[in-house]
Amino acid sequence: MENGVTDRLWDKDVQGFISACRQEKLCDIALDHRDGNGKALLTVAATYRSRKGRIVPVGYRWADSKSGLTAEVYVGKAKAPAELELDGLFRLALRAGLWGERRHVAFALMAITDVQAKADGVRGRLQLEYLKALGGDEPNSAVSGRVDAAGTPERKALMAQADGLTMQTLNDLAYLYGARSGHGAH
């Protein structure tokens, strides 16, 4: 199992995810998921260290709205839709009390969005690798990615285990290749 997954580290998309995690303005990147309409939606949380040493939570998450779930970015308690352009990210930095660092905050938020997008792209393939490795060679609809609505407990357990391993791998990569608060990232 480990050889197939380890080989995945050299995949171009995985390398793109690792590169996105290397953003110097982000510390302690952590990925998770939220269930939305039967689909696991990826969220990203990190910290931004201001020039004055203030630690501010930043991230990409899914929020409930009148039209369903919508993606949003946040800095501290200030939040905005994820599809904002650069000038909107500057206004978000202002609402968070970081106007003097609006450029750095905007780039940190763009990096968060990049981490989320690249992780989401890698997650599906990585989860499929884990499903194949966990399921062996037996013909199983969970291995092929199709789970019927009345999935058996074994299939659900296999999917949950593959999902857990996938999220652990993504978080391990983010930890290994991203900045950590203890290393003086700004």
Protein backbone atom coordinates (compact mmCIF):
# COMPACT_ATOMS: atom_id res chain seq x y z
CA MET A 1 0.00 0.00 0.00
CA GLU A 2 2.72 2.47 0.93
CA ASN A 3 4.65 2.17 -2.35
CA GLY A 4 1.68 3.27 -4.49
CA VAL A 5 0.86 6.15 -2.18
CA THR A 6 4.51 7.15 -1.76
CA ASP A 7 4.91 7.19 -5.54
CA ARG A 8 2.03 9.66 -5.60
CA LEU A 9 4.30 12.21 -3.88
CA TRP A 10 6.08 12.72 -7.19
CA ASP A 11 2.84 13.41 -9.01
CA LYS A 12 2.72 16.88 -10.60
CA ASP A 13 -0.52 17.79 -8.78
CA VAL A 14 0.84 16.69 -5.39
CA GLN A 15 3.94 18.78 -6.03
CA GLY A 16 1.64 21.71 -6.81
CA PHE A 17 -0.10 21.22 -3.46
CA ILE A 18 3.26 21.08 -1.66
CA SER A 19 4.35 24.26 -3.43
CA ALA A 20 1.14 26.03 -2.39
CA CYS A 21 1.79 25.06 1.25
CA ARG A 22 5.19 26.77 1.14
CA GLN A 23 3.60 30.26 1.26
CA GLU A 24 5.72 32.23 3.73
CA LYS A 25 2.81 34.31 5.06
CA LEU A 26 0.90 31.24 6.25
CA CYS A 27 1.70 29.18 9.34
CA ASP A 28 0.19 25.99 10.71
CA ILE A 29 -1.93 25.01 7.71
CA ALA A 30 -4.63 22.47 8.59
CA LEU A 31 -7.15 20.86 6.26
CA ASP A 32 -10.52 19.38 7.14
CA HIS A 33 -13.80 18.76 5.41
CA ARG A 34 -17.42 19.59 5.91
CA ASP A 35 -20.29 17.50 4.67
CA GLY A 36 -22.39 19.42 2.20
CA ASN A 37 -25.20 17.93 0.16
CA GLY A 38 -23.69 14.45 0.37
CA LYS A 39 -20.27 15.68 -0.68
CA ALA A 40 -17.21 16.34 1.49
CA LEU A 41 -16.15 19.96 0.96
CA LEU A 42 -12.55 20.79 1.80
CA THR A 43 -11.75 23.59 4.26
CA VAL A 44 -8.36 25.14 5.07
CA ALA A 45 -7.34 26.97 8.22
CA ALA A 46 -4.00 28.65 8.90
CA THR A 47 -2.52 31.51 10.85
CA TYR A 48 -1.09 34.74 9.55
CA ARG A 49 1.57 36.47 11.62
CA SER A 50 1.44 40.24 11.24
CA ARG A 51 4.55 42.39 11.18
CA LYS A 52 3.73 43.41 14.75
CA GLY A 53 3.69 39.75 15.81
CA ARG A 54 -0.09 39.45 16.03
CA ILE A 55 -1.37 35.96 15.18
CA VAL A 56 -4.55 36.10 13.07
CA PRO A 57 -6.56 33.06 11.91
CA VAL A 58 -7.15 32.96 8.16
CA GLY A 59 -8.86 30.36 6.07
CA TYR A 60 -11.23 29.02 3.47
CA ARG A 61 -14.49 27.47 4.64
CA TRP A 62 -18.01 26.65 3.56
CA ALA A 63 -20.87 28.60 5.14
CA ASP A 64 -24.61 28.19 5.02
CA SER A 65 -26.45 30.84 3.03
CA LYS A 66 -29.93 31.30 1.61
CA SER A 67 -28.83 29.71 -1.66
CA GLY A 68 -27.06 26.76 0.00
CA LEU A 69 -23.42 26.35 0.91
CA THR A 70 -21.05 29.06 -0.28
CA ALA A 71 -17.28 29.29 -0.11
CA GLU A 72 -15.82 32.11 1.95
CA VAL A 73 -12.42 33.34 3.08
CA TYR A 74 -11.86 34.85 6.49
CA VAL A 75 -9.31 36.87 8.42
CA GLY A 76 -9.97 36.88 12.14
CA LYS A 77 -13.72 37.54 12.46
CA ALA A 78 -14.01 39.30 9.08
CA LYS A 79 -15.30 37.15 6.24
CA ALA A 80 -16.14 37.53 2.56
CA PRO A 81 -17.04 35.37 -0.45
CA ALA A 82 -14.08 33.31 -1.68
CA GLU A 83 -14.31 34.62 -5.24
CA LEU A 84 -13.26 38.17 -4.27
CA GLU A 85 -10.70 39.93 -6.39
CA LEU A 86 -7.66 41.68 -4.97
CA ASP A 87 -9.40 44.98 -4.08
CA GLY A 88 -12.08 43.05 -2.17
CA LEU A 89 -9.36 41.24 -0.23
CA PHE A 90 -7.89 44.64 0.68
CA ARG A 91 -11.29 45.66 2.13
CA LEU A 92 -11.41 42.40 4.06
CA ALA A 93 -7.99 43.21 5.56
CA LEU A 94 -9.38 46.60 6.60
CA ARG A 95 -12.36 44.98 8.34
CA ALA A 96 -9.91 42.69 10.15
CA GLY A 97 -7.90 45.69 11.39
CA LEU A 98 -4.87 44.94 9.20
CA TRP A 99 -5.04 47.84 6.75
CA GLY A 100 -1.32 48.53 7.00
CA GLU A 101 -0.67 44.95 5.86
CA ARG A 102 -3.48 44.71 3.34
CA ARG A 103 -1.16 43.56 0.57
CA HIS A 104 0.34 40.74 2.67
CA VAL A 105 -3.10 39.70 3.97
CA ALA A 106 -4.51 39.66 0.43
CA PHE A 107 -1.67 37.45 -0.79
CA ALA A 108 -2.12 35.15 2.22
CA LEU A 109 -5.82 34.78 1.38
CA MET A 110 -5.01 34.08 -2.26
CA ALA A 111 -2.53 31.45 -1.04
CA ILE A 112 -5.24 29.88 1.18
CA THR A 113 -7.53 29.64 -1.85
CA ASP A 114 -4.69 28.08 -3.86
CA VAL A 115 -3.99 25.52 -1.11
CA GLN A 116 -7.69 24.61 -0.99
CA ALA A 117 -7.99 24.22 -4.76
CA LYS A 118 -4.82 22.15 -5.12
CA ALA A 119 -5.69 19.95 -2.13
CA ASP A 120 -9.18 19.38 -3.50
CA GLY A 121 -7.68 18.28 -6.81
CA VAL A 122 -5.28 15.86 -5.15
CA ARG A 123 -7.76 14.52 -2.60
CA GLY A 124 -9.93 12.57 -5.04
CA ARG A 125 -7.06 10.71 -6.66
CA LEU A 126 -5.32 10.08 -3.35
CA GLN A 127 -8.53 8.73 -1.84
CA LEU A 128 -8.97 6.40 -4.82
CA GLU A 129 -5.40 5.12 -4.31
CA TYR A 130 -6.19 4.37 -0.67
CA LEU A 131 -9.48 2.69 -1.59
CA LYS A 132 -7.70 0.44 -4.09
CA ALA A 133 -4.96 -0.39 -1.58
CA LEU A 134 -7.42 -1.10 1.24
CA GLY A 135 -9.86 -3.04 -0.92
CA GLY A 136 -7.29 -5.30 -2.54
CA ASP A 137 -8.08 -6.86 -5.90
CA GLU A 138 -11.67 -7.86 -5.16
CA PRO A 139 -14.31 -6.22 -7.36
CA ASN A 140 -15.88 -3.75 -4.98
CA SER A 141 -18.05 -0.81 -5.97
CA ALA A 142 -16.42 1.28 -3.21
CA VAL A 143 -13.04 0.79 -4.87
CA SER A 144 -14.34 2.01 -8.22
CA GLY A 145 -15.74 5.11 -6.54
CA ARG A 146 -19.41 4.10 -6.73
CA VAL A 147 -21.23 3.53 -3.49
CA ASP A 148 -24.90 2.76 -3.71
CA ALA A 149 -27.27 4.63 -1.40
CA ALA A 150 -27.82 1.53 0.73
CA GLY A 151 -24.06 0.90 1.04
CA THR A 152 -23.08 -1.88 3.34
CA PRO A 153 -21.39 -1.08 6.64
CA GLU A 154 -18.18 -2.60 5.27
CA ARG A 155 -18.20 -0.26 2.29
CA LYS A 156 -18.92 2.74 4.48
CA ALA A 157 -16.11 1.76 6.84
CA LEU A 158 -13.73 1.34 3.90
CA MET A 159 -14.69 4.78 2.53
CA ALA A 160 -14.30 6.37 5.97
CA GLN A 161 -10.88 4.75 6.44
CA ALA A 162 -9.70 5.91 3.00
CA ASP A 163 -11.03 9.41 3.69
CA GLY A 164 -9.24 9.50 7.05
CA LEU A 165 -5.96 8.37 5.49
CA THR A 166 -6.34 10.94 2.71
CA MET A 167 -6.92 13.82 5.13
CA GLN A 168 -4.03 12.63 7.30
CA THR A 169 -1.73 12.56 4.27
CA LEU A 170 -2.78 16.05 3.16
CA ASN A 171 -2.29 17.44 6.68
CA ASP A 172 1.08 15.68 7.01
CA LEU A 173 2.24 17.23 3.73
CA ALA A 174 0.98 20.67 4.80
CA TYR A 175 2.82 20.29 8.10
CA LEU A 176 6.06 19.07 6.54
CA TYR A 177 6.23 21.61 3.74
CA GLY A 178 4.38 24.58 5.23
CA ALA A 179 5.68 27.17 7.68
CA ARG A 180 5.15 26.61 11.37
CA SER A 181 4.72 29.30 14.00
CA GLY A 182 7.74 28.09 15.93
CA HIS A 183 9.99 28.76 12.95
CA GLY A 184 9.39 32.50 12.95
CA ALA A 185 7.29 32.70 9.80
CA HIS A 186 5.81 36.10 9.01
